[in-house]
Amino acid sequence: MARVEVERIGDADPKPVGDGRRPLGSVRVLDLTRVLAGPTHARVLAEHGADAMLVNSPNLPNAPAFVMDTSHGKLSTFLDLDDADDAATLRGLASTADVFCQGYRGGALAKRGLGPDELAELRPGIVYVTINCYGDTGPWRERPGWEQLAQSVTGLADAQGEPGRPTLMPAAACDYTTGYLAALGTMVALWRRSHEGGTWHVRASLCQTGNWFAELGPTCDPAAATPPDADDLDRWSVTTDTPFGRLRHLGPVAELSATPPRWTRPTVPLGTHQPAWP
């Protein structure tokens, strides 16, 4: 099973990526995701200069700590897809977007006319990103799912608990890693679009990631592992003033000499901005 899939689904003229100053400068990203893989995907794109807009429903719950963690660099707005005017606003934003990422169950947005085929027709050249738990094929494709279920069905929890009862890994490994893999797939699609044109569909799922982890097997002896010390945390962390207060958090992990990754917008409460591109 592939870690991340990048498929051409339509034709479009080539379009350059970046603004000459940052790798993803001027790239517009619509982020219709929640907890945690999808928001991580758009956060990575934002750290390389993309204008990422988080679109949440005002009627769905969110964990504030996860919002603070994954919203660095993003605009944040509310749109209710059950409202005709809000749905029309979203389509208007999508008509000028470069990337459309959604984390709904398989087929859910297609029923609203926002599936990959519909977006390819509305916006030729768009990169449509699908992130879910079980993937886009198979009998579970329409089921909701999350980190704990992915760890269970892929056998990670069983391996983590050996020789005793199944035990969850002490981290949201599938979620965060799926977000990073999806961001890699999106950058690949944007690069291909810049060279050969086309409309692209990127697929990633928690179970694809979990199966990859399971194939790797144990990578170290837990008893011999050395936890990070204060110097490590200082080296990896940044401090940002936000509407939530001053946050000490992990910074971008990539190291680029000419265009170092950074977030130019602080993380903000959901619904802070109007649904309009800057």
C-alpha atoms as a PDB file:
ATOM      1  CA  MET A   1       0.000   0.000   0.000  1.00  0.00           C
ATOM      2  CA  ALA A   2       1.353   3.427  -0.949  1.00  0.00           C
ATOM      3  CA  ARG A   3       2.172   5.894   1.808  1.00  0.00           C
ATOM      4  CA  VAL A   4       0.586   8.694  -0.231  1.00  0.00           C
ATOM      5  CA  GLU A   5      -0.957   8.638  -3.713  1.00  0.00           C
ATOM      6  CA  VAL A   6      -0.687  11.391  -6.330  1.00  0.00           C
ATOM      7  CA  GLU A   7      -2.947  10.895  -9.368  1.00  0.00           C
ATOM      8  CA  ARG A   8      -3.632  13.118 -12.360  1.00  0.00           C
ATOM      9  CA  ILE A   9      -7.414  13.457 -12.787  1.00  0.00           C
ATOM     10  CA  GLY A  10      -7.739  16.192 -15.406  1.00  0.00           C
ATOM     11  CA  ASP A  11      -6.062  18.547 -17.825  1.00  0.00           C
ATOM     12  CA  ALA A  12      -4.921  22.108 -17.223  1.00  0.00           C
ATOM     13  CA  ASP A  13      -2.148  24.395 -18.384  1.00  0.00           C
ATOM     14  CA  PRO A  14       1.111  24.438 -16.394  1.00  0.00           C
ATOM     15  CA  LYS A  15       1.202  27.026 -13.616  1.00  0.00           C
ATOM     16  CA  PRO A  16       4.369  28.119 -11.784  1.00  0.00           C
ATOM     17  CA  VAL A  17       4.629  27.537  -8.038  1.00  0.00           C
ATOM     18  CA  GLY A  18       5.965  30.125  -5.610  1.00  0.00           C
ATOM     19  CA  ASP A  19       6.440  33.874  -5.820  1.00  0.00           C
ATOM     20  CA  GLY A  20      10.234  33.950  -6.162  1.00  0.00           C
ATOM     21  CA  ARG A  21      10.688  34.581  -2.441  1.00  0.00           C
ATOM     22  CA  ARG A  22       9.224  31.494  -0.783  1.00  0.00           C
ATOM     23  CA  PRO A  23       8.667  27.968  -2.184  1.00  0.00           C
ATOM     24  CA  LEU A  24       4.852  28.142  -1.858  1.00  0.00           C
ATOM     25  CA  GLY A  25       4.395  31.903  -1.880  1.00  0.00           C
ATOM     26  CA  SER A  26       1.038  32.923  -3.466  1.00  0.00           C
ATOM     27  CA  VAL A  27      -0.309  29.323  -3.291  1.00  0.00           C
ATOM     28  CA  ARG A  28      -3.869  29.346  -1.935  1.00  0.00           C
ATOM     29  CA  VAL A  29      -4.926  26.418   0.258  1.00  0.00           C
ATOM     30  CA  LEU A  30      -8.458  25.682   1.488  1.00  0.00           C
ATOM     31  CA  ASP A  31      -8.289  23.486   4.591  1.00  0.00           C
ATOM     32  CA  LEU A  32     -11.629  21.780   5.345  1.00  0.00           C
ATOM     33  CA  THR A  33     -10.254  19.494   8.053  1.00  0.00           C
ATOM     34  CA  ARG A  34     -10.206  18.934  11.807  1.00  0.00           C
ATOM     35  CA  VAL A  35      -8.087  16.938  14.290  1.00  0.00           C
ATOM     36  CA  LEU A  36      -5.232  16.291  13.404  1.00  0.00           C
ATOM     37  CA  ALA A  37      -3.847  14.988  10.121  1.00  0.00           C
ATOM     38  CA  GLY A  38      -5.564  17.459   7.798  1.00  0.00           C
ATOM     39  CA  PRO A  39      -4.720  20.553   9.846  1.00  0.00           C
ATOM     40  CA  THR A  40      -1.094  19.370  10.043  1.00  0.00           C
ATOM     41  CA  HIS A  41      -1.005  19.104   6.225  1.00  0.00           C
ATOM     42  CA  ALA A  42      -2.057  22.740   5.740  1.00  0.00           C
ATOM     43  CA  ARG A  43       0.206  23.938   8.565  1.00  0.00           C
ATOM     44  CA  VAL A  44       3.204  22.488   6.709  1.00  0.00           C
ATOM     45  CA  LEU A  45       2.188  24.244   3.484  1.00  0.00           C
ATOM     46  CA  ALA A  46       1.766  27.521   5.395  1.00  0.00           C
ATOM     47  CA  GLU A  47       5.293  27.296   6.809  1.00  0.00           C
ATOM     48  CA  HIS A  48       6.604  27.458   3.237  1.00  0.00           C
ATOM     49  CA  GLY A  49       4.596  30.562   2.330  1.00  0.00           C
ATOM     50  CA  ALA A  50       1.152  29.299   1.278  1.00  0.00           C
ATOM     51  CA  ASP A  51      -1.964  31.300   2.138  1.00  0.00           C
ATOM     52  CA  ALA A  52      -3.841  28.595   4.048  1.00  0.00           C
ATOM     53  CA  MET A  53      -7.449  29.215   5.082  1.00  0.00           C
ATOM     54  CA  LEU A  54      -8.946  26.890   7.693  1.00  0.00           C
ATOM     55  CA  VAL A  55     -12.676  26.463   7.035  1.00  0.00           C
ATOM     56  CA  ASN A  56     -14.692  25.005   9.921  1.00  0.00           C
ATOM     57  CA  SER A  57     -18.394  24.624  10.562  1.00  0.00           C
ATOM     58  CA  PRO A  58     -19.643  26.678  13.498  1.00  0.00           C
ATOM     59  CA  ASN A  59     -21.711  23.629  14.503  1.00  0.00           C
ATOM     60  CA  LEU A  60     -18.905  21.072  14.920  1.00  0.00           C
ATOM     61  CA  PRO A  61     -16.782  20.628  18.063  1.00  0.00           C
ATOM     62  CA  ASN A  62     -13.034  21.171  18.153  1.00  0.00           C
ATOM     63  CA  ALA A  63     -10.383  20.610  20.808  1.00  0.00           C
ATOM     64  CA  PRO A  64      -8.825  24.019  21.619  1.00  0.00           C
ATOM     65  CA  ALA A  65      -5.355  22.567  22.232  1.00  0.00           C
ATOM     66  CA  PHE A  66      -5.347  20.907  18.796  1.00  0.00           C
ATOM     67  CA  VAL A  67      -6.534  24.142  17.165  1.00  0.00           C
ATOM     68  CA  MET A  68      -3.669  26.058  18.804  1.00  0.00           C
ATOM     69  CA  ASP A  69      -1.167  23.416  17.724  1.00  0.00           C
ATOM     70  CA  THR A  70      -2.166  23.057  14.079  1.00  0.00           C
ATOM     71  CA  SER A  71      -3.353  26.565  13.097  1.00  0.00           C
ATOM     72  CA  HIS A  72       0.026  28.329  12.902  1.00  0.00           C
ATOM     73  CA  GLY A  73       0.263  30.340   9.699  1.00  0.00           C
ATOM     74  CA  LYS A  74      -3.425  30.090   8.803  1.00  0.00           C
ATOM     75  CA  LEU A  75      -6.419  32.272   8.295  1.00  0.00           C
ATOM     76  CA  SER A  76      -9.509  30.835  10.014  1.00  0.00           C
ATOM     77  CA  THR A  77     -13.138  31.252   9.019  1.00  0.00           C
ATOM     78  CA  PHE A  78     -16.550  29.707   9.624  1.00  0.00           C
ATOM     79  CA  LEU A  79     -18.784  28.426   6.816  1.00  0.00           C
ATOM     80  CA  ASP A  80     -21.870  26.252   7.238  1.00  0.00           C
ATOM     81  CA  LEU A  81     -22.264  24.009   4.191  1.00  0.00           C
ATOM     82  CA  ASP A  82     -25.941  23.508   5.075  1.00  0.00           C
ATOM     83  CA  ASP A  83     -26.442  27.213   4.385  1.00  0.00           C
ATOM     84  CA  ALA A  84     -26.849  27.964   0.664  1.00  0.00           C
ATOM     85  CA  ASP A  85     -25.023  31.303   0.867  1.00  0.00           C
ATOM     86  CA  ASP A  86     -22.087  29.813   2.778  1.00  0.00           C
ATOM     87  CA  ALA A  87     -21.871  26.915   0.343  1.00  0.00           C
ATOM     88  CA  ALA A  88     -21.769  29.391  -2.548  1.00  0.00           C
ATOM     89  CA  THR A  89     -19.018  31.343  -0.754  1.00  0.00           C
ATOM     90  CA  LEU A  90     -16.964  28.169  -0.407  1.00  0.00           C
ATOM     91  CA  ARG A  91     -17.329  27.406  -4.097  1.00  0.00           C
ATOM     92  CA  GLY A  92     -16.195  30.935  -4.877  1.00  0.00           C
ATOM     93  CA  LEU A  93     -13.086  30.474  -2.727  1.00  0.00           C
ATOM     94  CA  ALA A  94     -12.403  27.110  -4.361  1.00  0.00           C
ATOM     95  CA  SER A  95     -12.676  28.620  -7.834  1.00  0.00           C
ATOM     96  CA  THR A  96      -9.440  30.547  -7.215  1.00  0.00           C
ATOM     97  CA  ALA A  97      -7.685  28.071  -4.876  1.00  0.00           C
ATOM     98  CA  ASP A  98      -4.633  26.002  -5.758  1.00  0.00           C
ATOM     99  CA  VAL A  99      -5.187  23.306  -3.116  1.00  0.00           C
ATOM    100  CA  PHE A 100      -8.458  21.996  -1.672  1.00  0.00           C
ATOM    101  CA  CYS A 101      -7.991  19.637   1.295  1.00  0.00           C
ATOM    102  CA  GLN A 102     -10.856  17.806   2.973  1.00  0.00           C
ATOM    103  CA  GLY A 103     -11.025  15.286   5.780  1.00  0.00           C
ATOM    104  CA  TYR A 104     -14.613  14.051   5.501  1.00  0.00           C
ATOM    105  CA  ARG A 105     -15.743  10.453   5.147  1.00  0.00           C
ATOM    106  CA  GLY A 106     -15.512   8.944   1.689  1.00  0.00           C
ATOM    107  CA  GLY A 107     -18.093  10.447  -0.679  1.00  0.00           C
ATOM    108  CA  ALA A 108     -19.483  12.967   1.827  1.00  0.00           C
ATOM    109  CA  LEU A 109     -18.408  16.093  -0.050  1.00  0.00           C
ATOM    110  CA  ALA A 110     -19.134  14.582  -3.462  1.00  0.00           C
ATOM    111  CA  LYS A 111     -22.797  14.498  -2.404  1.00  0.00           C
ATOM    112  CA  ARG A 112     -22.561  18.268  -2.004  1.00  0.00           C
ATOM    113  CA  GLY A 113     -20.930  18.794  -5.385  1.00  0.00           C
ATOM    114  CA  LEU A 114     -17.476  19.253  -3.858  1.00  0.00           C
ATOM    115  CA  GLY A 115     -15.822  15.981  -4.813  1.00  0.00           C
ATOM    116  CA  PRO A 116     -12.600  15.793  -6.827  1.00  0.00           C
ATOM    117  CA  ASP A 117     -14.361  15.534 -10.202  1.00  0.00           C
ATOM    118  CA  GLU A 118     -16.594  18.517  -9.468  1.00  0.00           C
ATOM    119  CA  LEU A 119     -13.688  20.646  -8.237  1.00  0.00           C
ATOM    120  CA  ALA A 120     -11.599  19.639 -11.265  1.00  0.00           C
ATOM    121  CA  GLU A 121     -14.349  21.032 -13.476  1.00  0.00           C
ATOM    122  CA  LEU A 122     -14.820  24.165 -11.367  1.00  0.00           C
ATOM    123  CA  ARG A 123     -11.100  24.890 -11.050  1.00  0.00           C
ATOM    124  CA  PRO A 124      -8.913  23.140 -13.646  1.00  0.00           C
ATOM    125  CA  GLY A 125      -5.426  22.757 -12.221  1.00  0.00           C
ATOM    126  CA  ILE A 126      -6.497  22.410  -8.599  1.00  0.00           C
ATOM    127  CA  VAL A 127      -4.775  19.916  -6.290  1.00  0.00           C
ATOM    128  CA  TYR A 128      -7.539  18.052  -4.434  1.00  0.00           C
ATOM    129  CA  VAL A 129      -6.334  16.400  -1.222  1.00  0.00           C
ATOM    130  CA  THR A 130      -8.303  13.640   0.516  1.00  0.00           C
ATOM    131  CA  ILE A 131      -7.307  12.654   4.062  1.00  0.00           C
ATOM    132  CA  ASN A 132      -9.323  10.111   6.020  1.00  0.00           C
ATOM    133  CA  CYS A 133      -8.933   7.053   8.226  1.00  0.00           C
ATOM    134  CA  TYR A 134      -9.546   4.036   5.986  1.00  0.00           C
ATOM    135  CA  GLY A 135      -8.721   5.248   2.481  1.00  0.00           C
ATOM    136  CA  ASP A 136     -10.904   5.663  -0.600  1.00  0.00           C
ATOM    137  CA  THR A 137     -11.446   1.973  -1.423  1.00  0.00           C
ATOM    138  CA  GLY A 138     -12.805  -1.019   0.428  1.00  0.00           C
ATOM    139  CA  PRO A 139     -15.907  -1.695   2.546  1.00  0.00           C
ATOM    140  CA  TRP A 140     -14.897   0.781   5.275  1.00  0.00           C
ATOM    141  CA  ARG A 141     -14.319   3.775   3.001  1.00  0.00           C
ATOM    142  CA  GLU A 142     -17.453   5.582   4.234  1.00  0.00           C
ATOM    143  CA  ARG A 143     -16.850   4.945   7.931  1.00  0.00           C
ATOM    144  CA  PRO A 144     -15.630   7.680  10.266  1.00  0.00           C
ATOM    145  CA  GLY A 145     -12.314   6.951  11.927  1.00  0.00           C
ATOM    146  CA  TRP A 146      -9.530   8.450  13.980  1.00  0.00           C
ATOM    147  CA  GLU A 147      -6.099   7.751  15.496  1.00  0.00           C
ATOM    148  CA  GLN A 148      -7.121   5.097  18.016  1.00  0.00           C
ATOM    149  CA  LEU A 149      -9.067   3.103  15.440  1.00  0.00           C
ATOM    150  CA  ALA A 150      -6.236   3.291  12.915  1.00  0.00           C
ATOM    151  CA  GLN A 151      -3.755   2.001  15.493  1.00  0.00           C
ATOM    152  CA  SER A 152      -6.143  -0.837  16.347  1.00  0.00           C
ATOM    153  CA  VAL A 153      -7.083  -2.093  12.888  1.00  0.00           C
ATOM    154  CA  THR A 154      -3.522  -1.933  11.516  1.00  0.00           C
ATOM    155  CA  GLY A 155      -2.100  -3.945  14.423  1.00  0.00           C
ATOM    156  CA  LEU A 156      -0.005  -1.137  15.891  1.00  0.00           C
ATOM    157  CA  ALA A 157      -1.787  -1.319  19.243  1.00  0.00           C
ATOM    158  CA  ASP A 158      -1.280  -5.079  19.364  1.00  0.00           C
ATOM    159  CA  ALA A 159       2.442  -4.713  18.658  1.00  0.00           C
ATOM    160  CA  GLN A 160       2.776  -1.844  21.152  1.00  0.00           C
ATOM    161  CA  GLY A 161       1.256  -3.933  23.935  1.00  0.00           C
ATOM    162  CA  GLU A 162       3.204  -7.154  23.379  1.00  0.00           C
ATOM    163  CA  PRO A 163       3.427  -9.468  25.189  1.00  0.00           C
ATOM    164  CA  GLY A 164       0.346  -8.195  27.027  1.00  0.00           C
ATOM    165  CA  ARG A 165      -2.913  -6.558  26.023  1.00  0.00           C
ATOM    166  CA  PRO A 166      -3.080  -4.155  23.049  1.00  0.00           C
ATOM    167  CA  THR A 167      -1.890  -0.679  24.032  1.00  0.00           C
ATOM    168  CA  LEU A 168      -2.065   2.566  22.107  1.00  0.00           C
ATOM    169  CA  MET A 169       1.176   4.242  21.130  1.00  0.00           C
ATOM    170  CA  PRO A 170       1.853   7.253  23.401  1.00  0.00           C
ATOM    171  CA  ALA A 171       1.508   9.744  20.546  1.00  0.00           C
ATOM    172  CA  ALA A 172      -0.806  10.562  17.642  1.00  0.00           C
ATOM    173  CA  ALA A 173       1.720   8.994  15.290  1.00  0.00           C
ATOM    174  CA  CYS A 174      -0.706   8.129  12.482  1.00  0.00           C
ATOM    175  CA  ASP A 175      -2.366  11.539  12.545  1.00  0.00           C
ATOM    176  CA  TYR A 176       0.714  13.734  12.428  1.00  0.00           C
ATOM    177  CA  THR A 177       2.669  11.513  10.052  1.00  0.00           C
ATOM    178  CA  THR A 178      -0.294  11.306   7.657  1.00  0.00           C
ATOM    179  CA  GLY A 179      -0.403  15.107   7.641  1.00  0.00           C
ATOM    180  CA  TYR A 180       3.294  15.316   6.755  1.00  0.00           C
ATOM    181  CA  LEU A 181       2.938  12.681   4.038  1.00  0.00           C
ATOM    182  CA  ALA A 182      -0.085  14.461   2.562  1.00  0.00           C
ATOM    183  CA  ALA A 183       1.902  17.732   2.505  1.00  0.00           C
ATOM    184  CA  LEU A 184       4.686  15.932   0.646  1.00  0.00           C
ATOM    185  CA  GLY A 185       2.141  14.582  -1.856  1.00  0.00           C
ATOM    186  CA  THR A 186       0.684  18.067  -2.331  1.00  0.00           C
ATOM    187  CA  MET A 187       4.113  19.546  -3.035  1.00  0.00           C
ATOM    188  CA  VAL A 188       4.773  16.761  -5.538  1.00  0.00           C
ATOM    189  CA  ALA A 189       1.454  17.514  -7.261  1.00  0.00           C
ATOM    190  CA  LEU A 190       2.192  21.252  -7.371  1.00  0.00           C
ATOM    191  CA  TRP A 191       5.630  20.545  -8.837  1.00  0.00           C
ATOM    192  CA  ARG A 192       4.105  18.282 -11.492  1.00  0.00           C
ATOM    193  CA  ARG A 193       1.460  20.888 -12.255  1.00  0.00           C
ATOM    194  CA  SER A 194       4.180  23.480 -12.764  1.00  0.00           C
ATOM    195  CA  HIS A 195       6.037  21.253 -15.245  1.00  0.00           C
ATOM    196  CA  GLU A 196       3.330  19.310 -17.077  1.00  0.00           C
ATOM    197  CA  GLY A 197       0.064  20.957 -16.081  1.00  0.00           C
ATOM    198  CA  GLY A 198      -2.937  18.907 -15.041  1.00  0.00           C
ATOM    199  CA  THR A 199      -5.397  18.613 -12.179  1.00  0.00           C
ATOM    200  CA  TRP A 200      -4.311  16.313  -9.359  1.00  0.00           C
ATOM    201  CA  HIS A 201      -5.772  14.175  -6.577  1.00  0.00           C
ATOM    202  CA  VAL A 202      -3.625  13.434  -3.508  1.00  0.00           C
ATOM    203  CA  ARG A 203      -4.780  10.678  -1.154  1.00  0.00           C
ATOM    204  CA  ALA A 204      -3.506   9.823   2.310  1.00  0.00           C
ATOM    205  CA  SER A 205      -5.075   7.920   5.180  1.00  0.00           C
ATOM    206  CA  LEU A 206      -4.300   7.014   8.753  1.00  0.00           C
ATOM    207  CA  CYS A 207      -4.425   3.311   7.937  1.00  0.00           C
ATOM    208  CA  GLN A 208      -2.014   3.668   5.019  1.00  0.00           C
ATOM    209  CA  THR A 209       0.369   5.316   7.459  1.00  0.00           C
ATOM    210  CA  GLY A 210      -0.312   2.724  10.159  1.00  0.00           C
ATOM    211  CA  ASN A 211       0.377  -0.128   7.768  1.00  0.00           C
ATOM    212  CA  TRP A 212       3.667   1.517   6.832  1.00  0.00           C
ATOM    213  CA  PHE A 213       4.638   1.711  10.502  1.00  0.00           C
ATOM    214  CA  ALA A 214       3.685  -1.943  10.960  1.00  0.00           C
ATOM    215  CA  GLU A 215       5.859  -2.952   7.977  1.00  0.00           C
ATOM    216  CA  LEU A 216       8.838  -1.113   9.484  1.00  0.00           C
ATOM    217  CA  GLY A 217       8.612  -3.081  12.709  1.00  0.00           C
ATOM    218  CA  PRO A 218      10.394  -2.021  15.904  1.00  0.00           C
ATOM    219  CA  THR A 219      13.054   0.579  15.137  1.00  0.00           C
ATOM    220  CA  CYS A 220      14.755   0.732  18.532  1.00  0.00           C
ATOM    221  CA  ASP A 221      14.871  -0.837  21.958  1.00  0.00           C
ATOM    222  CA  PRO A 222      12.513   1.230  24.134  1.00  0.00           C
ATOM    223  CA  ALA A 223      14.703   0.546  27.156  1.00  0.00           C
ATOM    224  CA  ALA A 224      17.686   2.073  25.356  1.00  0.00           C
ATOM    225  CA  ALA A 225      15.857   5.090  23.930  1.00  0.00           C
ATOM    226  CA  THR A 226      17.040   8.489  25.146  1.00  0.00           C
ATOM    227  CA  PRO A 227      14.264  11.048  25.717  1.00  0.00           C
ATOM    228  CA  PRO A 228      14.852  14.591  24.485  1.00  0.00           C
ATOM    229  CA  ASP A 229      16.455  16.927  27.009  1.00  0.00           C
ATOM    230  CA  ALA A 230      15.941  20.646  27.610  1.00  0.00           C
ATOM    231  CA  ASP A 231      18.544  21.608  25.019  1.00  0.00           C
ATOM    232  CA  ASP A 232      16.749  19.548  22.371  1.00  0.00           C
ATOM    233  CA  LEU A 233      13.416  21.178  23.170  1.00  0.00           C
ATOM    234  CA  ASP A 234      14.960  24.652  23.039  1.00  0.00           C
ATOM    235  CA  ARG A 235      16.500  23.933  19.650  1.00  0.00           C
ATOM    236  CA  TRP A 236      13.225  22.656  18.209  1.00  0.00           C
ATOM    237  CA  SER A 237      10.895  25.247  19.755  1.00  0.00           C
ATOM    238  CA  VAL A 238       9.809  28.786  18.943  1.00  0.00           C
ATOM    239  CA  THR A 239       7.798  31.365  20.895  1.00  0.00           C
ATOM    240  CA  THR A 240       4.832  33.126  19.290  1.00  0.00           C
ATOM    241  CA  ASP A 241       2.520  35.858  20.581  1.00  0.00           C
ATOM    242  CA  THR A 242      -1.043  34.821  19.719  1.00  0.00           C
ATOM    243  CA  PRO A 243      -4.606  35.753  20.717  1.00  0.00           C
ATOM    244  CA  PHE A 244      -4.385  32.765  23.082  1.00  0.00           C
ATOM    245  CA  GLY A 245      -1.350  34.331  24.779  1.00  0.00           C
ATOM    246  CA  ARG A 246       2.357  33.665  24.354  1.00  0.00           C
ATOM    247  CA  LEU A 247       2.856  30.080  23.146  1.00  0.00           C
ATOM    248  CA  ARG A 248       6.029  28.012  23.284  1.00  0.00           C
ATOM    249  CA  HIS A 249       5.656  25.353  20.608  1.00  0.00           C
ATOM    250  CA  LEU A 250       7.543  23.214  18.131  1.00  0.00           C
ATOM    251  CA  GLY A 251       8.727  25.109  15.083  1.00  0.00           C
ATOM    252  CA  PRO A 252       9.103  23.870  11.488  1.00  0.00           C
ATOM    253  CA  VAL A 253      11.425  20.898  11.266  1.00  0.00           C
ATOM    254  CA  ALA A 254      12.783  21.468   7.746  1.00  0.00           C
ATOM    255  CA  GLU A 255      16.053  23.353   7.328  1.00  0.00           C
ATOM    256  CA  LEU A 256      16.380  25.388   4.119  1.00  0.00           C
ATOM    257  CA  SER A 257      19.266  27.817   3.787  1.00  0.00           C
ATOM    258  CA  ALA A 258      17.783  30.315   1.316  1.00  0.00           C
ATOM    259  CA  THR A 259      14.102  30.098   2.281  1.00  0.00           C
ATOM    260  CA  PRO A 260      13.894  28.941   5.905  1.00  0.00           C
ATOM    261  CA  PRO A 261      10.364  27.812   6.795  1.00  0.00           C
ATOM    262  CA  ARG A 262       8.393  30.044   9.134  1.00  0.00           C
ATOM    263  CA  TRP A 263       4.822  31.020   9.899  1.00  0.00           C
ATOM    264  CA  THR A 264       3.923  34.620   9.161  1.00  0.00           C
ATOM    265  CA  ARG A 265       0.517  34.437  10.896  1.00  0.00           C
ATOM    266  CA  PRO A 266      -0.037  33.420  14.523  1.00  0.00           C
ATOM    267  CA  THR A 267      -2.487  30.689  15.412  1.00  0.00           C
ATOM    268  CA  VAL A 268      -5.918  32.244  16.051  1.00  0.00           C
ATOM    269  CA  PRO A 269      -9.306  31.178  17.431  1.00  0.00           C
ATOM    270  CA  LEU A 270     -11.644  29.520  14.963  1.00  0.00           C
ATOM    271  CA  GLY A 271     -13.693  31.898  12.837  1.00  0.00           C
ATOM    272  CA  THR A 272     -11.393  34.898  13.338  1.00  0.00           C
ATOM    273  CA  HIS A 273     -11.330  35.962   9.675  1.00  0.00           C
ATOM    274  CA  GLN A 274     -13.837  36.700   6.942  1.00  0.00           C
ATOM    275  CA  PRO A 275     -14.080  34.081   4.152  1.00  0.00           C
ATOM    276  CA  ALA A 276     -11.962  36.003   1.646  1.00  0.00           C
ATOM    277  CA  TRP A 277      -8.458  35.585   0.302  1.00  0.00           C
ATOM    278  CA  PRO A 278      -5.958  38.262   1.371  1.00  0.00           C
END
